[in-house]
PDB file of N, CA and C in Angstrom:
ATOM      1  N   MET A   1     -48.875 -25.304  33.222  1.00  0.00           N
ATOM      2  CA  MET A   1     -49.165 -26.696  33.004  1.00  0.00           C
ATOM      3  C   MET A   1     -48.222 -27.532  33.867  1.00  0.00           C
ATOM      4  N   ASN A   2     -48.762 -28.454  34.612  1.00  0.00           N
ATOM      5  CA  ASN A   2     -47.896 -29.255  35.468  1.00  0.00           C
ATOM      6  C   ASN A   2     -47.264 -30.382  34.673  1.00  0.00           C
ATOM      7  N   ARG A   3     -46.394 -31.125  35.351  1.00  0.00           N
ATOM      8  CA  ARG A   3     -45.610 -32.155  34.682  1.00  0.00           C
ATOM      9  C   ARG A   3     -46.479 -33.307  34.185  1.00  0.00           C
ATOM     10  N   ARG A   4     -47.445 -33.700  34.974  1.00  0.00           N
ATOM     11  CA  ARG A   4     -48.295 -34.826  34.605  1.00  0.00           C
ATOM     12  C   ARG A   4     -49.128 -34.475  33.359  1.00  0.00           C
ATOM     13  N   ALA A   5     -49.597 -33.252  33.274  1.00  0.00           N
ATOM     14  CA  ALA A   5     -50.408 -32.853  32.119  1.00  0.00           C
ATOM     15  C   ALA A   5     -49.551 -32.836  30.850  1.00  0.00           C
ATOM     16  N   ARG A   6     -48.277 -32.412  30.985  1.00  0.00           N
ATOM     17  CA  ARG A   6     -47.393 -32.395  29.820  1.00  0.00           C
ATOM     18  C   ARG A   6     -47.086 -33.803  29.351  1.00  0.00           C
ATOM     19  N   THR A   7     -46.808 -34.704  30.257  1.00  0.00           N
ATOM     20  CA  THR A   7     -46.499 -36.073  29.852  1.00  0.00           C
ATOM     21  C   THR A   7     -47.718 -36.765  29.276  1.00  0.00           C
ATOM     22  N   SER A   8     -48.893 -36.481  29.815  1.00  0.00           N
ATOM     23  CA  SER A   8     -50.086 -37.119  29.264  1.00  0.00           C
ATOM     24  C   SER A   8     -50.403 -36.561  27.883  1.00  0.00           C
ATOM     25  N   HIS A   9     -50.094 -35.260  27.648  1.00  0.00           N
ATOM     26  CA  HIS A   9     -50.307 -34.658  26.335  1.00  0.00           C
ATOM     27  C   HIS A   9     -49.358 -35.278  25.318  1.00  0.00           C
ATOM     28  N   ARG A  10     -48.093 -35.524  25.716  1.00  0.00           N
ATOM     29  CA  ARG A  10     -47.119 -36.126  24.818  1.00  0.00           C
ATOM     30  C   ARG A  10     -47.424 -37.594  24.551  1.00  0.00           C
ATOM     31  N   SER A  11     -47.868 -38.278  25.568  1.00  0.00           N
ATOM     32  CA  SER A  11     -48.095 -39.715  25.416  1.00  0.00           C
ATOM     33  C   SER A  11     -49.448 -40.029  24.781  1.00  0.00           C
ATOM     34  N   GLN A  12     -50.221 -39.024  24.474  1.00  0.00           N
ATOM     35  CA  GLN A  12     -51.526 -39.254  23.859  1.00  0.00           C
ATOM     36  C   GLN A  12     -51.327 -39.846  22.467  1.00  0.00           C
ATOM     37  N   ARG A  13     -52.074 -40.861  22.172  1.00  0.00           N
ATOM     38  CA  ARG A  13     -51.922 -41.549  20.893  1.00  0.00           C
ATOM     39  C   ARG A  13     -52.537 -40.733  19.771  1.00  0.00           C
ATOM     40  N   ARG A  14     -52.021 -40.942  18.562  1.00  0.00           N
ATOM     41  CA  ARG A  14     -52.473 -40.213  17.385  1.00  0.00           C
ATOM     42  C   ARG A  14     -53.932 -40.528  17.058  1.00  0.00           C
ATOM     43  N   VAL A  15     -54.397 -41.657  17.482  1.00  0.00           N
ATOM     44  CA  VAL A  15     -55.768 -42.071  17.165  1.00  0.00           C
ATOM     45  C   VAL A  15     -56.775 -41.095  17.746  1.00  0.00           C
ATOM     46  N   PHE A  16     -56.475 -40.538  18.913  1.00  0.00           N
ATOM     47  CA  PHE A  16     -57.433 -39.692  19.597  1.00  0.00           C
ATOM     48  C   PHE A  16     -57.270 -38.208  19.277  1.00  0.00           C
ATOM     49  N   ARG A  17     -56.273 -37.865  18.476  1.00  0.00           N
ATOM     50  CA  ARG A  17     -56.093 -36.460  18.109  1.00  0.00           C
ATOM     51  C   ARG A  17     -57.046 -36.115  16.972  1.00  0.00           C
ATOM     52  N   PRO A  18     -57.443 -34.862  16.891  1.00  0.00           N
ATOM     53  CA  PRO A  18     -58.331 -34.477  15.782  1.00  0.00           C
ATOM     54  C   PRO A  18     -57.562 -34.500  14.461  1.00  0.00           C
ATOM     55  N   LYS A  19     -58.234 -34.852  13.426  1.00  0.00           N
ATOM     56  CA  LYS A  19     -57.617 -34.970  12.117  1.00  0.00           C
ATOM     57  C   LYS A  19     -57.390 -33.564  11.543  1.00  0.00           C
ATOM     58  N   ARG A  20     -56.213 -33.366  10.947  1.00  0.00           N
ATOM     59  CA  ARG A  20     -55.905 -32.064  10.365  1.00  0.00           C
ATOM     60  C   ARG A  20     -56.594 -31.939   9.009  1.00  0.00           C
ATOM     61  N   PRO A  21     -57.029 -30.717   8.707  1.00  0.00           N
ATOM     62  CA  PRO A  21     -57.670 -30.523   7.394  1.00  0.00           C
ATOM     63  C   PRO A  21     -56.613 -30.578   6.290  1.00  0.00           C
ATOM     64  N   PHE A  22     -57.057 -30.878   5.082  1.00  0.00           N
ATOM     65  CA  PHE A  22     -56.146 -30.963   3.945  1.00  0.00           C
ATOM     66  C   PHE A  22     -55.606 -29.555   3.641  1.00  0.00           C
ATOM     67  N   PRO A  23     -54.283 -29.403   3.491  1.00  0.00           N
ATOM     68  CA  PRO A  23     -53.688 -28.061   3.301  1.00  0.00           C
ATOM     69  C   PRO A  23     -53.836 -27.563   1.864  1.00  0.00           C
ATOM     70  N   PHE A  24     -55.022 -27.062   1.525  1.00  0.00           N
ATOM     71  CA  PHE A  24     -55.280 -26.597   0.169  1.00  0.00           C
ATOM     72  C   PHE A  24     -54.393 -25.401  -0.196  1.00  0.00           C
ATOM     73  N   VAL A  25     -54.145 -24.523   0.764  1.00  0.00           N
ATOM     74  CA  VAL A  25     -53.359 -23.318   0.484  1.00  0.00           C
ATOM     75  C   VAL A  25     -51.922 -23.693   0.135  1.00  0.00           C
ATOM     76  N   ILE A  26     -51.357 -24.612   0.884  1.00  0.00           N
ATOM     77  CA  ILE A  26     -49.975 -25.024   0.636  1.00  0.00           C
ATOM     78  C   ILE A  26     -49.867 -25.717  -0.720  1.00  0.00           C
ATOM     79  N   VAL A  27     -50.831 -26.576  -1.026  1.00  0.00           N
ATOM     80  CA  VAL A  27     -50.817 -27.279  -2.310  1.00  0.00           C
ATOM     81  C   VAL A  27     -50.956 -26.286  -3.456  1.00  0.00           C
ATOM     82  N   PHE A  28     -51.857 -25.314  -3.333  1.00  0.00           N
ATOM     83  CA  PHE A  28     -52.031 -24.313  -4.388  1.00  0.00           C
ATOM     84  C   PHE A  28     -50.761 -23.475  -4.570  1.00  0.00           C
ATOM     85  N   ARG A  29     -50.130 -23.099  -3.459  1.00  0.00           N
ATOM     86  CA  ARG A  29     -48.905 -22.299  -3.534  1.00  0.00           C
ATOM     87  C   ARG A  29     -47.787 -23.077  -4.223  1.00  0.00           C
ATOM     88  N   GLN A  30     -47.617 -24.343  -3.869  1.00  0.00           N
ATOM     89  CA  GLN A  30     -46.587 -25.164  -4.499  1.00  0.00           C
ATOM     90  C   GLN A  30     -46.878 -25.385  -5.979  1.00  0.00           C
ATOM     91  N   LEU A  31     -48.132 -25.624  -6.309  1.00  0.00           N
ATOM     92  CA  LEU A  31     -48.527 -25.842  -7.704  1.00  0.00           C
ATOM     93  C   LEU A  31     -48.282 -24.593  -8.543  1.00  0.00           C
ATOM     94  N   SER A  32     -48.686 -23.430  -8.018  1.00  0.00           N
ATOM     95  CA  SER A  32     -48.502 -22.193  -8.781  1.00  0.00           C
ATOM     96  C   SER A  32     -47.023 -21.847  -8.928  1.00  0.00           C
ATOM     97  N   ALA A  33     -46.222 -22.050  -7.888  1.00  0.00           N
ATOM     98  CA  ALA A  33     -44.786 -21.776  -7.988  1.00  0.00           C
ATOM     99  C   ALA A  33     -44.127 -22.719  -8.984  1.00  0.00           C
ATOM    100  N   GLY A  34     -44.504 -23.974  -8.952  1.00  0.00           N
ATOM    101  CA  GLY A  34     -43.938 -24.936  -9.902  1.00  0.00           C
ATOM    102  C   GLY A  34     -44.298 -24.613 -11.340  1.00  0.00           C
ATOM    103  N   LEU A  35     -45.563 -24.247 -11.582  1.00  0.00           N
ATOM    104  CA  LEU A  35     -45.978 -23.898 -12.942  1.00  0.00           C
ATOM    105  C   LEU A  35     -45.297 -22.626 -13.435  1.00  0.00           C
ATOM    106  N   LEU A  36     -45.153 -21.640 -12.563  1.00  0.00           N
ATOM    107  CA  LEU A  36     -44.466 -20.408 -12.960  1.00  0.00           C
ATOM    108  C   LEU A  36     -42.999 -20.668 -13.282  1.00  0.00           C
ATOM    109  N   MET A  37     -42.340 -21.480 -12.479  1.00  0.00           N
ATOM    110  CA  MET A  37     -40.937 -21.798 -12.743  1.00  0.00           C
ATOM    111  C   MET A  37     -40.793 -22.576 -14.044  1.00  0.00           C
ATOM    112  N   LEU A  38     -41.691 -23.513 -14.292  1.00  0.00           N
ATOM    113  CA  LEU A  38     -41.653 -24.280 -15.522  1.00  0.00           C
ATOM    114  C   LEU A  38     -41.875 -23.378 -16.735  1.00  0.00           C
ATOM    115  N   ALA A  39     -42.827 -22.468 -16.647  1.00  0.00           N
ATOM    116  CA  ALA A  39     -43.090 -21.548 -17.757  1.00  0.00           C
ATOM    117  C   ALA A  39     -41.892 -20.629 -18.010  1.00  0.00           C
ATOM    118  N   ALA A  40     -41.272 -20.126 -16.953  1.00  0.00           N
ATOM    119  CA  ALA A  40     -40.099 -19.259 -17.116  1.00  0.00           C
ATOM    120  C   ALA A  40     -38.951 -20.028 -17.744  1.00  0.00           C
ATOM    121  N   GLY A  41     -38.703 -21.240 -17.295  1.00  0.00           N
ATOM    122  CA  GLY A  41     -37.625 -22.049 -17.859  1.00  0.00           C
ATOM    123  C   GLY A  41     -37.841 -22.364 -19.321  1.00  0.00           C
ATOM    124  N   LEU A  42     -39.076 -22.717 -19.687  1.00  0.00           N
ATOM    125  CA  LEU A  42     -39.377 -23.011 -21.089  1.00  0.00           C
ATOM    126  C   LEU A  42     -39.275 -21.750 -21.949  1.00  0.00           C
ATOM    127  N   GLY A  43     -39.686 -20.608 -21.429  1.00  0.00           N
ATOM    128  CA  GLY A  43     -39.581 -19.350 -22.168  1.00  0.00           C
ATOM    129  C   GLY A  43     -38.133 -18.960 -22.429  1.00  0.00           C
ATOM    130  N   ILE A  44     -37.295 -19.118 -21.418  1.00  0.00           N
ATOM    131  CA  ILE A  44     -35.873 -18.811 -21.593  1.00  0.00           C
ATOM    132  C   ILE A  44     -35.243 -19.779 -22.582  1.00  0.00           C
ATOM    133  N   ALA A  45     -35.584 -21.056 -22.493  1.00  0.00           N
ATOM    134  CA  ALA A  45     -35.051 -22.033 -23.449  1.00  0.00           C
ATOM    135  C   ALA A  45     -35.485 -21.693 -24.875  1.00  0.00           C
ATOM    136  N   PHE A  46     -36.720 -21.243 -25.072  1.00  0.00           N
ATOM    137  CA  PHE A  46     -37.192 -20.850 -26.406  1.00  0.00           C
ATOM    138  C   PHE A  46     -36.422 -19.636 -26.915  1.00  0.00           C
ATOM    139  N   LEU A  47     -36.172 -18.648 -26.051  1.00  0.00           N
ATOM    140  CA  LEU A  47     -35.400 -17.473 -26.455  1.00  0.00           C
ATOM    141  C   LEU A  47     -33.972 -17.845 -26.814  1.00  0.00           C
ATOM    142  N   LEU A  48     -33.378 -18.755 -26.053  1.00  0.00           N
ATOM    143  CA  LEU A  48     -32.015 -19.196 -26.362  1.00  0.00           C
ATOM    144  C   LEU A  48     -31.968 -19.962 -27.678  1.00  0.00           C
ATOM    145  N   GLN A  49     -33.035 -20.654 -28.017  1.00  0.00           N
ATOM    146  CA  GLN A  49     -33.093 -21.377 -29.285  1.00  0.00           C
ATOM    147  C   GLN A  49     -33.166 -20.400 -30.456  1.00  0.00           C
ATOM    148  N   GLN A  50     -33.863 -19.282 -30.292  1.00  0.00           N
ATOM    149  CA  GLN A  50     -33.986 -18.280 -31.342  1.00  0.00           C
ATOM    150  C   GLN A  50     -32.756 -17.387 -31.462  1.00  0.00           C
ATOM    151  N   LEU A  51     -31.868 -17.384 -30.463  1.00  0.00           N
ATOM    152  CA  LEU A  51     -30.720 -16.480 -30.425  1.00  0.00           C
ATOM    153  C   LEU A  51     -29.752 -16.663 -31.592  1.00  0.00           C
ATOM    154  N   PRO A  52     -29.349 -17.874 -31.992  1.00  0.00           N
ATOM    155  CA  PRO A  52     -28.389 -17.990 -33.098  1.00  0.00           C
ATOM    156  C   PRO A  52     -28.917 -17.451 -34.424  1.00  0.00           C
ATOM    157  N   GLN A  53     -30.213 -17.386 -34.611  1.00  0.00           N
ATOM    158  CA  GLN A  53     -30.759 -16.868 -35.861  1.00  0.00           C
ATOM    159  C   GLN A  53     -30.640 -15.346 -35.941  1.00  0.00           C
ATOM    160  N   GLN A  54     -30.595 -14.677 -34.814  1.00  0.00           N
ATOM    161  CA  GLN A  54     -30.576 -13.222 -34.801  1.00  0.00           C
ATOM    162  C   GLN A  54     -29.200 -12.643 -34.498  1.00  0.00           C
ATOM    163  N   VAL A  55     -28.342 -13.383 -33.808  1.00  0.00           N
ATOM    164  CA  VAL A  55     -27.031 -12.883 -33.396  1.00  0.00           C
ATOM    165  C   VAL A  55     -25.984 -13.910 -33.769  1.00  0.00           C
ATOM    166  N   ASP A  56     -24.833 -13.421 -34.271  1.00  0.00           N
ATOM    167  CA  ASP A  56     -23.713 -14.314 -34.550  1.00  0.00           C
ATOM    168  C   ASP A  56     -22.992 -14.599 -33.230  1.00  0.00           C
ATOM    169  N   VAL A  57     -23.209 -15.762 -32.684  1.00  0.00           N
ATOM    170  CA  VAL A  57     -22.714 -16.095 -31.355  1.00  0.00           C
ATOM    171  C   VAL A  57     -21.190 -16.153 -31.335  1.00  0.00           C
ATOM    172  N   VAL A  58     -20.565 -16.680 -32.392  1.00  0.00           N
ATOM    173  CA  VAL A  58     -19.103 -16.780 -32.435  1.00  0.00           C
ATOM    174  C   VAL A  58     -18.476 -15.396 -32.415  1.00  0.00           C
ATOM    175  N   LEU A  59     -19.045 -14.463 -33.165  1.00  0.00           N
ATOM    176  CA  LEU A  59     -18.538 -13.091 -33.171  1.00  0.00           C
ATOM    177  C   LEU A  59     -18.731 -12.441 -31.809  1.00  0.00           C
ATOM    178  N   LEU A  60     -19.880 -12.688 -31.196  1.00  0.00           N
ATOM    179  CA  LEU A  60     -20.150 -12.132 -29.866  1.00  0.00           C
ATOM    180  C   LEU A  60     -19.148 -12.642 -28.838  1.00  0.00           C
ATOM    181  N   VAL A  61     -18.864 -13.940 -28.865  1.00  0.00           N
ATOM    182  CA  VAL A  61     -17.923 -14.525 -27.908  1.00  0.00           C
ATOM    183  C   VAL A  61     -16.509 -14.013 -28.167  1.00  0.00           C
ATOM    184  N   SER A  62     -16.112 -13.928 -29.438  1.00  0.00           N
ATOM    185  CA  SER A  62     -14.758 -13.463 -29.739  1.00  0.00           C
ATOM    186  C   SER A  62     -14.577 -11.998 -29.341  1.00  0.00           C
ATOM    187  N   GLU A  63     -15.593 -11.169 -29.555  1.00  0.00           N
ATOM    188  CA  GLU A  63     -15.506  -9.771 -29.108  1.00  0.00           C
ATOM    189  C   GLU A  63     -15.453  -9.673 -27.587  1.00  0.00           C
ATOM    190  N   ALA A  64     -16.197 -10.502 -26.907  1.00  0.00           N
ATOM    191  CA  ALA A  64     -16.172 -10.489 -25.440  1.00  0.00           C
ATOM    192  C   ALA A  64     -14.789 -10.887 -24.921  1.00  0.00           C
ATOM    193  N   ILE A  65     -14.175 -11.892 -25.543  1.00  0.00           N
ATOM    194  CA  ILE A  65     -12.829 -12.312 -25.121  1.00  0.00           C
ATOM    195  C   ILE A  65     -11.815 -11.220 -25.421  1.00  0.00           C
ATOM    196  N   ALA A  66     -11.936 -10.573 -26.572  1.00  0.00           N
ATOM    197  CA  ALA A  66     -11.017  -9.477 -26.904  1.00  0.00           C
ATOM    198  C   ALA A  66     -11.170  -8.318 -25.927  1.00  0.00           C
ATOM    199  N   ASP A  67     -12.409  -7.991 -25.577  1.00  0.00           N
ATOM    200  CA  ASP A  67     -12.641  -6.931 -24.583  1.00  0.00           C
ATOM    201  C   ASP A  67     -12.052  -7.300 -23.234  1.00  0.00           C
ATOM    202  N   LEU A  68     -12.184  -8.553 -22.857  1.00  0.00           N
ATOM    203  CA  LEU A  68     -11.626  -9.012 -21.591  1.00  0.00           C
ATOM    204  C   LEU A  68     -10.107  -8.887 -21.590  1.00  0.00           C
ATOM    205  N   ILE A  69      -9.470  -9.280 -22.686  1.00  0.00           N
ATOM    206  CA  ILE A  69      -8.004  -9.186 -22.778  1.00  0.00           C
ATOM    207  C   ILE A  69      -7.567  -7.723 -22.734  1.00  0.00           C
ATOM    208  N   ARG A  70      -8.282  -6.844 -23.445  1.00  0.00           N
ATOM    209  CA  ARG A  70      -7.938  -5.413 -23.402  1.00  0.00           C
ATOM    210  C   ARG A  70      -8.115  -4.857 -21.991  1.00  0.00           C
ATOM    211  N   GLY A  71      -9.161  -5.279 -21.320  1.00  0.00           N
ATOM    212  CA  GLY A  71      -9.382  -4.808 -19.954  1.00  0.00           C
ATOM    213  C   GLY A  71      -8.294  -5.259 -19.006  1.00  0.00           C
ATOM    214  N   ILE A  72      -7.875  -6.515 -19.135  1.00  0.00           N
ATOM    215  CA  ILE A  72      -6.792  -7.013 -18.271  1.00  0.00           C
ATOM    216  C   ILE A  72      -5.495  -6.275 -18.583  1.00  0.00           C
ATOM    217  N   GLN A  73      -5.250  -5.990 -19.873  1.00  0.00           N
ATOM    218  CA  GLN A  73      -4.050  -5.259 -20.255  1.00  0.00           C
ATOM    219  C   GLN A  73      -4.068  -3.852 -19.654  1.00  0.00           C
ATOM    220  N   GLN A  74      -5.203  -3.184 -19.710  1.00  0.00           N
ATOM    221  CA  GLN A  74      -5.304  -1.846 -19.118  1.00  0.00           C
ATOM    222  C   GLN A  74      -5.139  -1.891 -17.609  1.00  0.00           C
ATOM    223  N   LEU A  75      -5.685  -2.919 -16.982  1.00  0.00           N
ATOM    224  CA  LEU A  75      -5.532  -3.057 -15.537  1.00  0.00           C
ATOM    225  C   LEU A  75      -4.068  -3.234 -15.159  1.00  0.00           C
ATOM    226  N   LEU A  76      -3.348  -4.080 -15.911  1.00  0.00           N
ATOM    227  CA  LEU A  76      -1.935  -4.291 -15.616  1.00  0.00           C
ATOM    228  C   LEU A  76      -1.115  -3.028 -15.855  1.00  0.00           C
ATOM    229  N   GLU A  77      -1.442  -2.279 -16.919  1.00  0.00           N
ATOM    230  CA  GLU A  77      -0.742  -1.021 -17.166  1.00  0.00           C
ATOM    231  C   GLU A  77      -0.999  -0.024 -16.037  1.00  0.00           C
ATOM    232  N   ALA A  78      -2.222   0.039 -15.563  1.00  0.00           N
ATOM    233  CA  ALA A  78      -2.549   0.949 -14.460  1.00  0.00           C
ATOM    234  C   ALA A  78      -1.816   0.534 -13.186  1.00  0.00           C
ATOM    235  N   MET A  79      -1.758  -0.771 -12.920  1.00  0.00           N
ATOM    236  CA  MET A  79      -1.042  -1.239 -11.727  1.00  0.00           C
ATOM    237  C   MET A  79       0.450  -0.939 -11.837  1.00  0.00           C
ATOM    238  N   LEU A  80       1.017  -1.055 -13.055  1.00  0.00           N
ATOM    239  CA  LEU A  80       2.425  -0.734 -13.259  1.00  0.00           C
ATOM    240  C   LEU A  80       2.680   0.755 -13.037  1.00  0.00           C
ATOM    241  N   GLY A  81       1.787   1.588 -13.537  1.00  0.00           N
ATOM    242  CA  GLY A  81       1.922   3.026 -13.304  1.00  0.00           C
ATOM    243  C   GLY A  81       1.815   3.379 -11.837  1.00  0.00           C
ATOM    244  N   LEU A  82       0.890   2.748 -11.142  1.00  0.00           N
ATOM    245  CA  LEU A  82       0.738   2.995  -9.707  1.00  0.00           C
ATOM    246  C   LEU A  82       1.971   2.538  -8.948  1.00  0.00           C
ATOM    247  N   ALA A  83       2.531   1.401  -9.340  1.00  0.00           N
ATOM    248  CA  ALA A  83       3.750   0.918  -8.686  1.00  0.00           C
ATOM    249  C   ALA A  83       4.899   1.891  -8.916  1.00  0.00           C
ATOM    250  N   ALA A  84       4.988   2.470 -10.119  1.00  0.00           N
ATOM    251  CA  ALA A  84       6.035   3.452 -10.396  1.00  0.00           C
ATOM    252  C   ALA A  84       5.872   4.684  -9.507  1.00  0.00           C
ATOM    253  N   VAL A  85       4.641   5.142  -9.333  1.00  0.00           N
ATOM    254  CA  VAL A  85       4.395   6.294  -8.466  1.00  0.00           C
ATOM    255  C   VAL A  85       4.778   5.978  -7.021  1.00  0.00           C
ATOM    256  N   VAL A  86       4.464   4.777  -6.565  1.00  0.00           N
ATOM    257  CA  VAL A  86       4.801   4.384  -5.190  1.00  0.00           C
ATOM    258  C   VAL A  86       6.312   4.314  -5.009  1.00  0.00           C
ATOM    259  N   VAL A  87       7.021   3.763  -5.999  1.00  0.00           N
ATOM    260  CA  VAL A  87       8.484   3.682  -5.906  1.00  0.00           C
ATOM    261  C   VAL A  87       9.090   5.072  -5.884  1.00  0.00           C
ATOM    262  N   ILE A  88       8.597   5.976  -6.728  1.00  0.00           N
ATOM    263  CA  ILE A  88       9.128   7.344  -6.747  1.00  0.00           C
ATOM    264  C   ILE A  88       8.866   8.045  -5.419  1.00  0.00           C
ATOM    265  N   ALA A  89       7.667   7.870  -4.876  1.00  0.00           N
ATOM    266  CA  ALA A  89       7.346   8.484  -3.576  1.00  0.00           C
ATOM    267  C   ALA A  89       8.233   7.913  -2.474  1.00  0.00           C
ATOM    268  N   ALA A  90       8.480   6.609  -2.502  1.00  0.00           N
ATOM    269  CA  ALA A  90       9.357   6.006  -1.495  1.00  0.00           C
ATOM    270  C   ALA A  90      10.775   6.536  -1.627  1.00  0.00           C
ATOM    271  N   LEU A  91      11.258   6.731  -2.865  1.00  0.00           N
ATOM    272  CA  LEU A  91      12.598   7.283  -3.062  1.00  0.00           C
ATOM    273  C   LEU A  91      12.684   8.732  -2.580  1.00  0.00           C
ATOM    274  N   VAL A  92      11.623   9.515  -2.781  1.00  0.00           N
ATOM    275  CA  VAL A  92      11.608  10.892  -2.283  1.00  0.00           C
ATOM    276  C   VAL A  92      11.665  10.911  -0.763  1.00  0.00           C
ATOM    277  N   VAL A  93      10.876  10.056  -0.128  1.00  0.00           N
ATOM    278  CA  VAL A  93      10.889   9.987   1.340  1.00  0.00           C
ATOM    279  C   VAL A  93      12.260   9.538   1.836  1.00  0.00           C
ATOM    280  N   LEU A  94      12.836   8.519   1.200  1.00  0.00           N
ATOM    281  CA  LEU A  94      14.158   8.037   1.598  1.00  0.00           C
ATOM    282  C   LEU A  94      15.217   9.114   1.425  1.00  0.00           C
ATOM    283  N   ALA A  95      15.172   9.850   0.316  1.00  0.00           N
ATOM    284  CA  ALA A  95      16.155  10.917   0.081  1.00  0.00           C
ATOM    285  C   ALA A  95      16.024  12.016   1.125  1.00  0.00           C
ATOM    286  N   SER A  96      14.798  12.398   1.452  1.00  0.00           N
ATOM    287  CA  SER A  96      14.614  13.463   2.447  1.00  0.00           C
ATOM    288  C   SER A  96      15.053  12.998   3.828  1.00  0.00           C
ATOM    289  N   VAL A  97      14.747  11.769   4.199  1.00  0.00           N
ATOM    290  CA  VAL A  97      15.179  11.262   5.512  1.00  0.00           C
ATOM    291  C   VAL A  97      16.699  11.192   5.585  1.00  0.00           C
ATOM    292  N   LEU A  98      17.331  10.685   4.531  1.00  0.00           N
ATOM    293  CA  LEU A  98      18.798  10.617   4.534  1.00  0.00           C
ATOM    294  C   LEU A  98      19.417  12.010   4.559  1.00  0.00           C
ATOM    295  N   SER A  99      18.855  12.963   3.821  1.00  0.00           N
ATOM    296  CA  SER A  99      19.398  14.330   3.801  1.00  0.00           C
ATOM    297  C   SER A  99      19.254  14.988   5.166  1.00  0.00           C
ATOM    298  N   PHE A 100      18.068  14.906   5.760  1.00  0.00           N
ATOM    299  CA  PHE A 100      17.876  15.500   7.090  1.00  0.00           C
ATOM    300  C   PHE A 100      18.736  14.813   8.138  1.00  0.00           C
ATOM    301  N   GLY A 101      18.880  13.501   8.044  1.00  0.00           N
ATOM    302  CA  GLY A 101      19.746  12.788   8.987  1.00  0.00           C
ATOM    303  C   GLY A 101      21.196  13.189   8.836  1.00  0.00           C
ATOM    304  N   GLY A 102      21.654  13.341   7.594  1.00  0.00           N
ATOM    305  CA  GLY A 102      23.040  13.770   7.370  1.00  0.00           C
ATOM    306  C   GLY A 102      23.281  15.177   7.878  1.00  0.00           C
ATOM    307  N   ILE A 103      22.339  16.085   7.616  1.00  0.00           N
ATOM    308  CA  ILE A 103      22.480  17.466   8.124  1.00  0.00           C
ATOM    309  C   ILE A 103      22.492  17.477   9.636  1.00  0.00           C
ATOM    310  N   TRP A 104      21.617  16.680  10.247  1.00  0.00           N
ATOM    311  CA  TRP A 104      21.549  16.628  11.711  1.00  0.00           C
ATOM    312  C   TRP A 104      22.871  16.126  12.299  1.00  0.00           C
ATOM    313  N   ARG A 105      23.440  15.084  11.719  1.00  0.00           N
ATOM    314  CA  ARG A 105      24.716  14.563  12.229  1.00  0.00           C
ATOM    315  C   ARG A 105      25.850  15.566  12.028  1.00  0.00           C
ATOM    316  N   LEU A 106      25.857  16.241  10.887  1.00  0.00           N
ATOM    317  CA  LEU A 106      26.902  17.253  10.667  1.00  0.00           C
ATOM    318  C   LEU A 106      26.768  18.415  11.644  1.00  0.00           C
ATOM    319  N   LEU A 107      25.539  18.825  11.944  1.00  0.00           N
ATOM    320  CA  LEU A 107      25.335  19.889  12.929  1.00  0.00           C
ATOM    321  C   LEU A 107      25.782  19.444  14.320  1.00  0.00           C
ATOM    322  N   ARG A 108      25.491  18.197  14.678  1.00  0.00           N
ATOM    323  CA  ARG A 108      25.952  17.696  15.987  1.00  0.00           C
ATOM    324  C   ARG A 108      27.470  17.647  16.043  1.00  0.00           C
ATOM    325  N   LEU A 109      28.106  17.216  14.949  1.00  0.00           N
ATOM    326  CA  LEU A 109      29.565  17.173  14.904  1.00  0.00           C
ATOM    327  C   LEU A 109      30.146  18.575  15.004  1.00  0.00           C
ATOM    328  N   LEU A 110      29.576  19.542  14.291  1.00  0.00           N
ATOM    329  CA  LEU A 110      30.039  20.923  14.342  1.00  0.00           C
ATOM    330  C   LEU A 110      29.871  21.498  15.735  1.00  0.00           C
ATOM    331  N   ARG A 111      28.726  21.212  16.362  1.00  0.00           N
ATOM    332  CA  ARG A 111      28.487  21.698  17.730  1.00  0.00           C
ATOM    333  C   ARG A 111      29.474  21.080  18.704  1.00  0.00           C
ATOM    334  N   MET A 112      29.773  19.786  18.515  1.00  0.00           N
ATOM    335  CA  MET A 112      30.721  19.120  19.398  1.00  0.00           C
ATOM    336  C   MET A 112      32.116  19.694  19.225  1.00  0.00           C
ATOM    337  N   LEU A 113      32.500  20.007  17.992  1.00  0.00           N
ATOM    338  CA  LEU A 113      33.832  20.574  17.745  1.00  0.00           C
ATOM    339  C   LEU A 113      33.943  22.002  18.250  1.00  0.00           C
ATOM    340  N   LEU A 114      32.886  22.782  18.184  1.00  0.00           N
ATOM    341  CA  LEU A 114      32.929  24.173  18.648  1.00  0.00           C
ATOM    342  C   LEU A 114      32.889  24.261  20.164  1.00  0.00           C
ATOM    343  N   ARG A 115      32.255  23.373  20.848  1.00  0.00           N
ATOM    344  CA  ARG A 115      32.169  23.407  22.315  1.00  0.00           C
ATOM    345  C   ARG A 115      33.405  22.819  22.984  1.00  0.00           C
ATOM    346  N   ARG A 116      34.181  22.088  22.256  1.00  0.00           N
ATOM    347  CA  ARG A 116      35.328  21.398  22.856  1.00  0.00           C
ATOM    348  C   ARG A 116      36.402  22.409  23.246  1.00  0.00           C
ATOM    349  N   ASN A 117      36.914  22.280  24.441  1.00  0.00           N
ATOM    350  CA  ASN A 117      37.969  23.163  24.935  1.00  0.00           C
ATOM    351  C   ASN A 117      39.327  22.708  24.368  1.00  0.00           C
ATOM    352  N   PRO A 118      40.224  23.658  24.134  1.00  0.00           N
ATOM    353  CA  PRO A 118      41.533  23.260  23.584  1.00  0.00           C
ATOM    354  C   PRO A 118      42.345  22.417  24.558  1.00  0.00           C
ATOM    355  N   GLN A 119      42.165  22.544  25.869  1.00  0.00           N
ATOM    356  CA  GLN A 119      42.956  21.784  26.814  1.00  0.00           C
ATOM    357  C   GLN A 119      42.482  20.334  26.950  1.00  0.00           C
ATOM    358  N   GLU A 120      41.299  19.993  26.444  1.00  0.00           N
ATOM    359  CA  GLU A 120      40.793  18.630  26.538  1.00  0.00           C
ATOM    360  C   GLU A 120      41.390  17.735  25.478  1.00  0.00           C
ATOM    361  N   ARG A 121      42.139  18.265  24.511  1.00  0.00           N
ATOM    362  CA  ARG A 121      42.715  17.448  23.465  1.00  0.00           C
ATOM    363  C   ARG A 121      43.804  16.566  24.006  1.00  0.00           C
ATOM    364  N   ARG A 122      44.021  15.409  23.468  1.00  0.00           N
ATOM    365  CA  ARG A 122      45.047  14.486  23.970  1.00  0.00           C
ATOM    366  C   ARG A 122      46.286  14.576  23.160  1.00  0.00           C
TER     367      ARG A 122
END
């Protein structure tokens, strides 16, 4: 399409364009989705209204809070135990590094003392 044809297509007035058909499919889809959402919302609201008659809500909430507190307590205890294991492992690594380093330095000192000639002393 050349430039003149594109500009003439854009500049064409709405009066001369063909009229679009009414979007029945879009209207039906929106109507059905709206009615389904409304029915679901009303059904859930009705179930929530019937809930206090069948379940003691205060007891349910208090048990849920107690379970939450117990869960947090167990989580903190587990984290404390894990921290203790990490500290013990770090102390084991530190002890082994210090022991091997001390042995290595003592061996170097012993080797230096054994290789030293008696005439080099001051």
